[in-house]
PDB file of all heavy atoms in Angstrom:
ATOM      1  N   GLY A   1     -47.019 -15.912 -20.580  1.00  0.00           N
ATOM      2  CA  GLY A   1     -45.960 -16.054 -19.563  1.00  0.00           C
ATOM      3  C   GLY A   1     -45.985 -17.310 -18.758  1.00  0.00           C
ATOM      4  O   GLY A   1     -44.970 -17.886 -18.451  1.00  0.00           O
ATOM      5  N   LEU A   2     -47.223 -17.694 -18.398  1.00  0.00           N
ATOM      6  CA  LEU A   2     -47.365 -18.952 -17.629  1.00  0.00           C
ATOM      7  C   LEU A   2     -46.988 -20.173 -18.443  1.00  0.00           C
ATOM      8  O   LEU A   2     -46.313 -21.115 -17.943  1.00  0.00           O
ATOM      9  CB  LEU A   2     -48.816 -19.130 -17.253  1.00  0.00           C
ATOM     10  CG  LEU A   2     -49.301 -18.188 -16.154  1.00  0.00           C
ATOM     11  CD1 LEU A   2     -50.719 -18.415 -15.876  1.00  0.00           C
ATOM     12  CD2 LEU A   2     -48.483 -18.241 -14.896  1.00  0.00           C
ATOM     13  N   LEU A   3     -47.240 -20.168 -19.774  1.00  0.00           N
ATOM     14  CA  LEU A   3     -46.773 -21.211 -20.697  1.00  0.00           C
ATOM     15  C   LEU A   3     -45.220 -21.269 -20.713  1.00  0.00           C
ATOM     16  O   LEU A   3     -44.589 -22.266 -20.688  1.00  0.00           O
ATOM     17  CB  LEU A   3     -47.288 -20.987 -22.105  1.00  0.00           C
ATOM     18  CG  LEU A   3     -46.873 -22.064 -23.151  1.00  0.00           C
ATOM     19  CD1 LEU A   3     -47.262 -23.524 -22.725  1.00  0.00           C
ATOM     20  CD2 LEU A   3     -47.391 -21.673 -24.478  1.00  0.00           C
ATOM     21  N   ALA A   4     -44.598 -20.045 -20.832  1.00  0.00           N
ATOM     22  CA  ALA A   4     -43.193 -19.935 -20.741  1.00  0.00           C
ATOM     23  C   ALA A   4     -42.623 -20.467 -19.505  1.00  0.00           C
ATOM     24  O   ALA A   4     -41.521 -21.164 -19.430  1.00  0.00           O
ATOM     25  CB  ALA A   4     -42.710 -18.517 -21.026  1.00  0.00           C
ATOM     26  N   TYR A   5     -43.225 -20.145 -18.348  1.00  0.00           N
ATOM     27  CA  TYR A   5     -42.842 -20.686 -17.064  1.00  0.00           C
ATOM     28  C   TYR A   5     -42.843 -22.160 -17.118  1.00  0.00           C
ATOM     29  O   TYR A   5     -41.923 -22.852 -16.611  1.00  0.00           O
ATOM     30  CB  TYR A   5     -43.791 -20.185 -15.923  1.00  0.00           C
ATOM     31  CG  TYR A   5     -43.286 -18.960 -15.280  1.00  0.00           C
ATOM     32  CD1 TYR A   5     -43.966 -17.695 -15.403  1.00  0.00           C
ATOM     33  CD2 TYR A   5     -42.155 -18.933 -14.438  1.00  0.00           C
ATOM     34  CE1 TYR A   5     -43.564 -16.546 -14.761  1.00  0.00           C
ATOM     35  CE2 TYR A   5     -41.782 -17.760 -13.808  1.00  0.00           C
ATOM     36  CZ  TYR A   5     -42.431 -16.619 -13.924  1.00  0.00           C
ATOM     37  OH  TYR A   5     -42.023 -15.479 -13.343  1.00  0.00           O
ATOM     38  N   GLY A   6     -43.924 -22.841 -17.628  1.00  0.00           N
ATOM     39  CA  GLY A   6     -44.047 -24.260 -17.641  1.00  0.00           C
ATOM     40  C   GLY A   6     -42.938 -24.918 -18.455  1.00  0.00           C
ATOM     41  O   GLY A   6     -42.297 -25.912 -18.034  1.00  0.00           O
ATOM     42  N   LEU A   7     -42.678 -24.335 -19.693  1.00  0.00           N
ATOM     43  CA  LEU A   7     -41.626 -24.840 -20.535  1.00  0.00           C
ATOM     44  C   LEU A   7     -40.248 -24.727 -19.871  1.00  0.00           C
ATOM     45  O   LEU A   7     -39.335 -25.645 -19.921  1.00  0.00           O
ATOM     46  CB  LEU A   7     -41.614 -24.191 -21.875  1.00  0.00           C
ATOM     47  CG  LEU A   7     -42.876 -24.459 -22.712  1.00  0.00           C
ATOM     48  CD1 LEU A   7     -42.815 -23.593 -24.014  1.00  0.00           C
ATOM     49  CD2 LEU A   7     -42.999 -25.931 -23.061  1.00  0.00           C
ATOM     50  N   THR A   8     -39.976 -23.604 -19.243  1.00  0.00           N
ATOM     51  CA  THR A   8     -38.701 -23.330 -18.558  1.00  0.00           C
ATOM     52  C   THR A   8     -38.581 -24.295 -17.353  1.00  0.00           C
ATOM     53  O   THR A   8     -37.465 -24.908 -17.183  1.00  0.00           O
ATOM     54  CB  THR A   8     -38.624 -21.948 -17.977  1.00  0.00           C
ATOM     55  OG1 THR A   8     -38.836 -21.023 -19.073  1.00  0.00           O
ATOM     56  CG2 THR A   8     -37.332 -21.647 -17.324  1.00  0.00           C
ATOM     57  N   LEU A   9     -39.633 -24.448 -16.603  1.00  0.00           N
ATOM     58  CA  LEU A   9     -39.537 -25.464 -15.486  1.00  0.00           C
ATOM     59  C   LEU A   9     -39.261 -26.850 -15.972  1.00  0.00           C
ATOM     60  O   LEU A   9     -38.457 -27.534 -15.291  1.00  0.00           O
ATOM     61  CB  LEU A   9     -40.870 -25.425 -14.696  1.00  0.00           C
ATOM     62  CG  LEU A   9     -40.959 -26.228 -13.421  1.00  0.00           C
ATOM     63  CD1 LEU A   9     -39.926 -25.745 -12.427  1.00  0.00           C
ATOM     64  CD2 LEU A   9     -42.353 -26.163 -12.841  1.00  0.00           C
ATOM     65  N   GLY A  10     -39.908 -27.317 -17.054  1.00  0.00           N
ATOM     66  CA  GLY A  10     -39.510 -28.570 -17.565  1.00  0.00           C
ATOM     67  C   GLY A  10     -38.149 -28.739 -18.045  1.00  0.00           C
ATOM     68  O   GLY A  10     -37.419 -29.762 -17.786  1.00  0.00           O
ATOM     69  N   PHE A  11     -37.573 -27.662 -18.669  1.00  0.00           N
ATOM     70  CA  PHE A  11     -36.198 -27.652 -19.118  1.00  0.00           C
ATOM     71  C   PHE A  11     -35.275 -27.790 -17.886  1.00  0.00           C
ATOM     72  O   PHE A  11     -34.253 -28.553 -17.886  1.00  0.00           O
ATOM     73  CB  PHE A  11     -35.897 -26.461 -19.905  1.00  0.00           C
ATOM     74  CG  PHE A  11     -34.472 -26.288 -20.277  1.00  0.00           C
ATOM     75  CD1 PHE A  11     -33.796 -27.031 -21.208  1.00  0.00           C
ATOM     76  CD2 PHE A  11     -33.705 -25.212 -19.615  1.00  0.00           C
ATOM     77  CE1 PHE A  11     -32.495 -26.785 -21.469  1.00  0.00           C
ATOM     78  CE2 PHE A  11     -32.349 -25.015 -19.933  1.00  0.00           C
ATOM     79  CZ  PHE A  11     -31.708 -25.897 -20.863  1.00  0.00           C
ATOM     80  N   VAL A  12     -35.489 -26.968 -16.905  1.00  0.00           N
ATOM     81  CA  VAL A  12     -34.649 -27.042 -15.732  1.00  0.00           C
ATOM     82  C   VAL A  12     -34.708 -28.389 -14.956  1.00  0.00           C
ATOM     83  O   VAL A  12     -33.687 -28.832 -14.471  1.00  0.00           O
ATOM     84  CB  VAL A  12     -35.119 -25.805 -14.700  1.00  0.00           C
ATOM     85  CG1 VAL A  12     -34.417 -25.976 -13.442  1.00  0.00           C
ATOM     86  CG2 VAL A  12     -34.746 -24.528 -15.386  1.00  0.00           C
ATOM     87  N   LYS A  13     -35.825 -28.998 -14.953  1.00  0.00           N
ATOM     88  CA  LYS A  13     -35.969 -30.303 -14.290  1.00  0.00           C
ATOM     89  C   LYS A  13     -35.128 -31.354 -15.025  1.00  0.00           C
ATOM     90  O   LYS A  13     -34.662 -32.217 -14.422  1.00  0.00           O
ATOM     91  CB  LYS A  13     -37.388 -30.705 -14.149  1.00  0.00           C
ATOM     92  CG  LYS A  13     -38.276 -29.842 -13.184  1.00  0.00           C
ATOM     93  CD  LYS A  13     -37.612 -29.707 -11.851  1.00  0.00           C
ATOM     94  CE  LYS A  13     -38.336 -28.779 -10.891  1.00  0.00           C
ATOM     95  NZ  LYS A  13     -37.742 -28.687  -9.583  1.00  0.00           N
ATOM     96  N   VAL A  14     -35.053 -31.236 -16.389  1.00  0.00           N
ATOM     97  CA  VAL A  14     -34.194 -32.151 -17.017  1.00  0.00           C
ATOM     98  C   VAL A  14     -32.743 -32.000 -16.570  1.00  0.00           C
ATOM     99  O   VAL A  14     -32.058 -32.868 -16.365  1.00  0.00           O
ATOM    100  CB  VAL A  14     -34.404 -31.927 -18.585  1.00  0.00           C
ATOM    101  CG1 VAL A  14     -33.322 -32.837 -19.312  1.00  0.00           C
ATOM    102  CG2 VAL A  14     -35.725 -32.374 -19.016  1.00  0.00           C
ATOM    103  N   LEU A  15     -32.327 -30.722 -16.487  1.00  0.00           N
ATOM    104  CA  LEU A  15     -30.920 -30.429 -16.058  1.00  0.00           C
ATOM    105  C   LEU A  15     -30.869 -30.869 -14.623  1.00  0.00           C
ATOM    106  O   LEU A  15     -29.681 -31.366 -14.271  1.00  0.00           O
ATOM    107  CB  LEU A  15     -30.650 -28.989 -16.117  1.00  0.00           C
ATOM    108  CG  LEU A  15     -30.645 -28.355 -17.572  1.00  0.00           C
ATOM    109  CD1 LEU A  15     -30.353 -26.835 -17.506  1.00  0.00           C
ATOM    110  CD2 LEU A  15     -29.604 -28.997 -18.482  1.00  0.00           C
ATOM    111  N   HIS A  16     -31.888 -30.746 -13.798  1.00  0.00           N
ATOM    112  CA  HIS A  16     -31.853 -31.204 -12.388  1.00  0.00           C
ATOM    113  C   HIS A  16     -31.508 -32.769 -12.384  1.00  0.00           C
ATOM    114  O   HIS A  16     -30.656 -33.134 -11.600  1.00  0.00           O
ATOM    115  CB  HIS A  16     -33.180 -30.965 -11.826  1.00  0.00           C
ATOM    116  CG  HIS A  16     -33.384 -31.539 -10.449  1.00  0.00           C
ATOM    117  ND1 HIS A  16     -33.518 -30.748  -9.318  1.00  0.00           N
ATOM    118  CD2 HIS A  16     -33.527 -32.805 -10.040  1.00  0.00           C
ATOM    119  CE1 HIS A  16     -33.702 -31.490  -8.257  1.00  0.00           C
ATOM    120  NE2 HIS A  16     -33.686 -32.782  -8.633  1.00  0.00           N
ATOM    121  N   GLU A  17     -32.174 -33.471 -13.264  1.00  0.00           N
ATOM    122  CA  GLU A  17     -31.923 -34.957 -13.279  1.00  0.00           C
ATOM    123  C   GLU A  17     -30.553 -35.345 -13.782  1.00  0.00           C
ATOM    124  O   GLU A  17     -29.903 -36.270 -13.356  1.00  0.00           O
ATOM    125  CB  GLU A  17     -33.084 -35.623 -14.105  1.00  0.00           C
ATOM    126  CG  GLU A  17     -34.401 -35.392 -13.525  1.00  0.00           C
ATOM    127  CD  GLU A  17     -34.543 -35.945 -12.078  1.00  0.00           C
ATOM    128  OE1 GLU A  17     -33.944 -36.895 -11.661  1.00  0.00           O
ATOM    129  OE2 GLU A  17     -35.285 -35.180 -11.275  1.00  0.00           O
ATOM    130  N   LEU A  18     -30.100 -34.493 -14.721  1.00  0.00           N
ATOM    131  CA  LEU A  18     -28.769 -34.764 -15.257  1.00  0.00           C
ATOM    132  C   LEU A  18     -27.725 -34.398 -14.140  1.00  0.00           C
ATOM    133  O   LEU A  18     -26.670 -35.118 -14.050  1.00  0.00           O
ATOM    134  CB  LEU A  18     -28.508 -33.859 -16.418  1.00  0.00           C
ATOM    135  CG  LEU A  18     -29.095 -34.207 -17.766  1.00  0.00           C
ATOM    136  CD1 LEU A  18     -28.905 -33.149 -18.835  1.00  0.00           C
ATOM    137  CD2 LEU A  18     -28.722 -35.571 -18.207  1.00  0.00           C
ATOM    138  N   GLY A  19     -28.035 -33.518 -13.253  1.00  0.00           N
ATOM    139  CA  GLY A  19     -27.166 -33.291 -12.147  1.00  0.00           C
ATOM    140  C   GLY A  19     -27.027 -34.502 -11.289  1.00  0.00           C
ATOM    141  O   GLY A  19     -25.884 -34.852 -10.874  1.00  0.00           O
ATOM    142  N   HIS A  20     -28.131 -35.191 -11.027  1.00  0.00           N
ATOM    143  CA  HIS A  20     -28.067 -36.388 -10.269  1.00  0.00           C
ATOM    144  C   HIS A  20     -27.294 -37.438 -11.015  1.00  0.00           C
ATOM    145  O   HIS A  20     -26.349 -38.089 -10.358  1.00  0.00           O
ATOM    146  CB  HIS A  20     -29.478 -36.912 -10.015  1.00  0.00           C
ATOM    147  CG  HIS A  20     -30.274 -36.297  -9.017  1.00  0.00           C
ATOM    148  ND1 HIS A  20     -29.877 -36.089  -7.724  1.00  0.00           N
ATOM    149  CD2 HIS A  20     -31.477 -35.692  -9.114  1.00  0.00           C
ATOM    150  CE1 HIS A  20     -30.811 -35.408  -7.064  1.00  0.00           C
ATOM    151  NE2 HIS A  20     -31.785 -35.050  -7.907  1.00  0.00           N
ATOM    152  N   GLY A  21     -27.527 -37.634 -12.272  1.00  0.00           N
ATOM    153  CA  GLY A  21     -26.839 -38.662 -13.031  1.00  0.00           C
ATOM    154  C   GLY A  21     -25.304 -38.416 -13.131  1.00  0.00           C
ATOM    155  O   GLY A  21     -24.583 -39.306 -12.986  1.00  0.00           O
ATOM    156  N   LEU A  22     -24.929 -37.199 -13.371  1.00  0.00           N
ATOM    157  CA  LEU A  22     -23.469 -36.887 -13.472  1.00  0.00           C
ATOM    158  C   LEU A  22     -22.776 -37.080 -12.145  1.00  0.00           C
ATOM    159  O   LEU A  22     -21.656 -37.518 -12.199  1.00  0.00           O
ATOM    160  CB  LEU A  22     -23.349 -35.391 -13.989  1.00  0.00           C
ATOM    161  CG  LEU A  22     -23.671 -35.222 -15.504  1.00  0.00           C
ATOM    162  CD1 LEU A  22     -23.693 -33.705 -15.829  1.00  0.00           C
ATOM    163  CD2 LEU A  22     -22.716 -35.941 -16.416  1.00  0.00           C
ATOM    164  N   MET A  23     -23.416 -36.660 -11.129  1.00  0.00           N
ATOM    165  CA  MET A  23     -22.801 -36.894  -9.748  1.00  0.00           C
ATOM    166  C   MET A  23     -22.631 -38.340  -9.448  1.00  0.00           C
ATOM    167  O   MET A  23     -21.673 -38.789  -8.954  1.00  0.00           O
ATOM    168  CB  MET A  23     -23.616 -36.180  -8.728  1.00  0.00           C
ATOM    169  CG  MET A  23     -22.960 -36.265  -7.356  1.00  0.00           C
ATOM    170  SD  MET A  23     -21.374 -35.424  -7.167  1.00  0.00           S
ATOM    171  CE  MET A  23     -22.007 -33.709  -7.079  1.00  0.00           C
ATOM    172  N   ALA A  24     -23.633 -39.191  -9.836  1.00  0.00           N
ATOM    173  CA  ALA A  24     -23.606 -40.578  -9.548  1.00  0.00           C
ATOM    174  C   ALA A  24     -22.417 -41.253 -10.431  1.00  0.00           C
ATOM    175  O   ALA A  24     -21.704 -42.025  -9.933  1.00  0.00           O
ATOM    176  CB  ALA A  24     -24.940 -41.264  -9.921  1.00  0.00           C
ATOM    177  N   LYS A  25     -22.348 -40.767 -11.696  1.00  0.00           N
ATOM    178  CA  LYS A  25     -21.294 -41.313 -12.532  1.00  0.00           C
ATOM    179  C   LYS A  25     -19.867 -40.901 -12.029  1.00  0.00           C
ATOM    180  O   LYS A  25     -18.903 -41.632 -12.148  1.00  0.00           O
ATOM    181  CB  LYS A  25     -21.341 -40.806 -13.963  1.00  0.00           C
ATOM    182  CG  LYS A  25     -22.613 -41.344 -14.697  1.00  0.00           C
ATOM    183  CD  LYS A  25     -22.580 -42.838 -14.843  1.00  0.00           C
ATOM    184  CE  LYS A  25     -21.406 -43.362 -15.483  1.00  0.00           C
ATOM    185  NZ  LYS A  25     -21.445 -44.824 -15.657  1.00  0.00           N
ATOM    186  N   ARG A  26     -19.839 -39.733 -11.293  1.00  0.00           N
ATOM    187  CA  ARG A  26     -18.518 -39.203 -10.771  1.00  0.00           C
ATOM    188  C   ARG A  26     -18.009 -40.164  -9.736  1.00  0.00           C
ATOM    189  O   ARG A  26     -16.858 -40.354  -9.538  1.00  0.00           O
ATOM    190  CB  ARG A  26     -18.799 -37.854 -10.295  1.00  0.00           C
ATOM    191  CG  ARG A  26     -17.511 -37.123  -9.773  1.00  0.00           C
ATOM    192  CD  ARG A  26     -17.818 -35.699  -9.556  1.00  0.00           C
ATOM    193  NE  ARG A  26     -16.645 -34.954  -9.023  1.00  0.00           N
ATOM    194  CZ  ARG A  26     -16.494 -34.495  -7.827  1.00  0.00           C
ATOM    195  NH1 ARG A  26     -17.435 -34.741  -6.865  1.00  0.00           N
ATOM    196  NH2 ARG A  26     -15.380 -33.912  -7.479  1.00  0.00           N
ATOM    197  N   PHE A  27     -18.971 -40.836  -9.003  1.00  0.00           N
ATOM    198  CA  PHE A  27     -18.540 -41.844  -7.997  1.00  0.00           C
ATOM    199  C   PHE A  27     -18.614 -43.292  -8.459  1.00  0.00           C
ATOM    200  O   PHE A  27     -18.562 -44.148  -7.712  1.00  0.00           O
ATOM    201  CB  PHE A  27     -19.506 -41.718  -6.844  1.00  0.00           C
ATOM    202  CG  PHE A  27     -19.322 -40.327  -6.135  1.00  0.00           C
ATOM    203  CD1 PHE A  27     -20.495 -39.608  -5.871  1.00  0.00           C
ATOM    204  CD2 PHE A  27     -18.131 -39.838  -5.724  1.00  0.00           C
ATOM    205  CE1 PHE A  27     -20.454 -38.359  -5.279  1.00  0.00           C
ATOM    206  CE2 PHE A  27     -18.047 -38.610  -5.189  1.00  0.00           C
ATOM    207  CZ  PHE A  27     -19.154 -37.907  -4.887  1.00  0.00           C
ATOM    208  N   GLY A  28     -18.723 -43.498  -9.834  1.00  0.00           N
ATOM    209  CA  GLY A  28     -18.578 -44.776 -10.461  1.00  0.00           C
ATOM    210  C   GLY A  28     -19.848 -45.570 -10.359  1.00  0.00           C
ATOM    211  O   GLY A  28     -19.789 -46.827 -10.627  1.00  0.00           O
ATOM    212  N   CYS A  29     -20.991 -44.949 -10.249  1.00  0.00           N
ATOM    213  CA  CYS A  29     -22.287 -45.668 -10.201  1.00  0.00           C
ATOM    214  C   CYS A  29     -22.888 -45.680 -11.603  1.00  0.00           C
ATOM    215  O   CYS A  29     -22.735 -44.791 -12.489  1.00  0.00           O
ATOM    216  CB  CYS A  29     -23.235 -44.996  -9.285  1.00  0.00           C
ATOM    217  SG  CYS A  29     -22.728 -44.981  -7.610  1.00  0.00           S
ATOM    218  N   ARG A  30     -23.653 -46.735 -11.894  1.00  0.00           N
ATOM    219  CA  ARG A  30     -24.401 -46.881 -13.142  1.00  0.00           C
ATOM    220  C   ARG A  30     -25.759 -46.196 -13.052  1.00  0.00           C
ATOM    221  O   ARG A  30     -26.399 -46.197 -11.992  1.00  0.00           O
ATOM    222  CB  ARG A  30     -24.620 -48.377 -13.481  1.00  0.00           C
ATOM    223  CG  ARG A  30     -25.129 -48.667 -14.878  1.00  0.00           C
ATOM    224  CD  ARG A  30     -25.057 -50.095 -15.113  1.00  0.00           C
ATOM    225  NE  ARG A  30     -25.908 -50.841 -14.191  1.00  0.00           N
ATOM    226  CZ  ARG A  30     -27.203 -51.192 -14.457  1.00  0.00           C
ATOM    227  NH1 ARG A  30     -27.802 -50.837 -15.640  1.00  0.00           N
ATOM    228  NH2 ARG A  30     -27.927 -51.832 -13.568  1.00  0.00           N
ATOM    229  N   VAL A  31     -26.127 -45.506 -14.134  1.00  0.00           N
ATOM    230  CA  VAL A  31     -27.407 -44.880 -14.122  1.00  0.00           C
ATOM    231  C   VAL A  31     -28.259 -45.501 -15.255  1.00  0.00           C
ATOM    232  O   VAL A  31     -28.175 -45.167 -16.449  1.00  0.00           O
ATOM    233  CB  VAL A  31     -27.279 -43.342 -14.479  1.00  0.00           C
ATOM    234  CG1 VAL A  31     -28.589 -42.672 -14.463  1.00  0.00           C
ATOM    235  CG2 VAL A  31     -26.313 -42.676 -13.463  1.00  0.00           C
ATOM    236  N   PRO A  32     -29.063 -46.546 -14.908  1.00  0.00           N
ATOM    237  CA  PRO A  32     -29.712 -47.355 -15.885  1.00  0.00           C
ATOM    238  C   PRO A  32     -30.808 -46.675 -16.701  1.00  0.00           C
ATOM    239  O   PRO A  32     -30.931 -46.851 -17.868  1.00  0.00           O
ATOM    240  CB  PRO A  32     -30.282 -48.554 -15.176  1.00  0.00           C
ATOM    241  CG  PRO A  32     -30.346 -48.057 -13.785  1.00  0.00           C
ATOM    242  CD  PRO A  32     -29.327 -47.035 -13.554  1.00  0.00           C
ATOM    243  N   THR A  33     -31.628 -45.830 -15.986  1.00  0.00           N
ATOM    244  CA  THR A  33     -32.801 -45.202 -16.691  1.00  0.00           C
ATOM    245  C   THR A  33     -33.059 -43.795 -16.212  1.00  0.00           C
ATOM    246  O   THR A  33     -32.700 -43.433 -15.104  1.00  0.00           O
ATOM    247  CB  THR A  33     -34.081 -46.047 -16.491  1.00  0.00           C
ATOM    248  OG1 THR A  33     -34.327 -46.061 -15.037  1.00  0.00           O
ATOM    249  CG2 THR A  33     -33.948 -47.461 -16.983  1.00  0.00           C
ATOM    250  N   MET A  34     -33.676 -43.093 -17.162  1.00  0.00           N
ATOM    251  CA  MET A  34     -34.272 -41.750 -16.775  1.00  0.00           C
ATOM    252  C   MET A  34     -35.651 -41.746 -17.417  1.00  0.00           C
ATOM    253  O   MET A  34     -35.856 -42.437 -18.442  1.00  0.00           O
ATOM    254  CB  MET A  34     -33.422 -40.582 -17.343  1.00  0.00           C
ATOM    255  CG  MET A  34     -32.090 -40.493 -16.669  1.00  0.00           C
ATOM    256  SD  MET A  34     -31.117 -39.081 -17.409  1.00  0.00           S
ATOM    257  CE  MET A  34     -32.054 -37.679 -16.915  1.00  0.00           C
ATOM    258  N   GLY A  35     -36.526 -41.051 -16.864  1.00  0.00           N
ATOM    259  CA  GLY A  35     -37.856 -41.059 -17.366  1.00  0.00           C
ATOM    260  C   GLY A  35     -38.832 -40.044 -16.641  1.00  0.00           C
ATOM    261  O   GLY A  35     -38.341 -39.035 -16.248  1.00  0.00           O
ATOM    262  N   VAL A  36     -40.084 -40.303 -16.724  1.00  0.00           N
ATOM    263  CA  VAL A  36     -41.119 -39.447 -16.135  1.00  0.00           C
ATOM    264  C   VAL A  36     -41.793 -40.229 -14.975  1.00  0.00           C
ATOM    265  O   VAL A  36     -42.215 -41.389 -15.196  1.00  0.00           O
ATOM    266  CB  VAL A  36     -42.161 -38.995 -17.188  1.00  0.00           C
ATOM    267  CG1 VAL A  36     -43.225 -38.137 -16.580  1.00  0.00           C
ATOM    268  CG2 VAL A  36     -41.423 -38.277 -18.286  1.00  0.00           C
ATOM    269  N   ALA A  37     -41.910 -39.545 -13.836  1.00  0.00           N
ATOM    270  CA  ALA A  37     -42.654 -40.106 -12.720  1.00  0.00           C
ATOM    271  C   ALA A  37     -43.963 -39.258 -12.620  1.00  0.00           C
ATOM    272  O   ALA A  37     -43.946 -38.053 -12.946  1.00  0.00           O
ATOM    273  CB  ALA A  37     -41.858 -40.052 -11.389  1.00  0.00           C
ATOM    274  N   PHE A  38     -45.056 -39.939 -12.182  1.00  0.00           N
ATOM    275  CA  PHE A  38     -46.372 -39.277 -12.088  1.00  0.00           C
ATOM    276  C   PHE A  38     -46.696 -39.132 -10.582  1.00  0.00           C
ATOM    277  O   PHE A  38     -46.882 -40.115  -9.865  1.00  0.00           O
ATOM    278  CB  PHE A  38     -47.377 -39.980 -12.817  1.00  0.00           C
ATOM    279  CG  PHE A  38     -47.248 -39.826 -14.364  1.00  0.00           C
ATOM    280  CD1 PHE A  38     -46.363 -40.727 -15.019  1.00  0.00           C
ATOM    281  CD2 PHE A  38     -47.853 -38.844 -14.993  1.00  0.00           C
ATOM    282  CE1 PHE A  38     -46.189 -40.573 -16.413  1.00  0.00           C
ATOM    283  CE2 PHE A  38     -47.661 -38.700 -16.370  1.00  0.00           C
ATOM    284  CZ  PHE A  38     -46.848 -39.602 -17.108  1.00  0.00           C
ATOM    285  N   LEU A  39     -46.802 -37.919 -10.028  1.00  0.00           N
ATOM    286  CA  LEU A  39     -47.204 -37.541  -8.728  1.00  0.00           C
ATOM    287  C   LEU A  39     -48.653 -37.149  -8.836  1.00  0.00           C
ATOM    288  O   LEU A  39     -48.971 -36.081  -9.244  1.00  0.00           O
ATOM    289  CB  LEU A  39     -46.314 -36.450  -8.208  1.00  0.00           C
ATOM    290  CG  LEU A  39     -46.798 -35.871  -6.796  1.00  0.00           C
ATOM    291  CD1 LEU A  39     -46.675 -36.922  -5.702  1.00  0.00           C
ATOM    292  CD2 LEU A  39     -45.901 -34.702  -6.479  1.00  0.00           C
ATOM    293  N   VAL A  40     -49.581 -38.012  -8.359  1.00  0.00           N
ATOM    294  CA  VAL A  40     -51.008 -37.816  -8.514  1.00  0.00           C
ATOM    295  C   VAL A  40     -51.266 -37.437  -9.942  1.00  0.00           C
ATOM    296  O   VAL A  40     -51.999 -36.469 -10.236  1.00  0.00           O
ATOM    297  CB  VAL A  40     -51.606 -36.775  -7.488  1.00  0.00           C
ATOM    298  CG1 VAL A  40     -53.073 -36.942  -7.293  1.00  0.00           C
ATOM    299  CG2 VAL A  40     -50.871 -36.984  -6.107  1.00  0.00           C
ATOM    300  N   LEU A  41     -50.730 -38.207 -10.927  1.00  0.00           N
ATOM    301  CA  LEU A  41     -50.900 -38.023 -12.359  1.00  0.00           C
ATOM    302  C   LEU A  41     -50.211 -36.731 -12.854  1.00  0.00           C
ATOM    303  O   LEU A  41     -50.513 -36.360 -13.999  1.00  0.00           O
ATOM    304  CB  LEU A  41     -52.410 -38.064 -12.725  1.00  0.00           C
ATOM    305  CG  LEU A  41     -53.142 -39.370 -12.308  1.00  0.00           C
ATOM    306  CD1 LEU A  41     -54.571 -39.319 -12.865  1.00  0.00           C
ATOM    307  CD2 LEU A  41     -52.427 -40.606 -12.872  1.00  0.00           C
TER     308      LEU A  41
END
């Protein structure tokens, strides 16, 4: 169950970032990169 939680959380975070990107494109902004940030690794 915890593994499923982790995979689900990763999937949702990708959609989270797409939400930022789509909203930025809606206002005519360029979205140059997406990637992974490390918070205390």
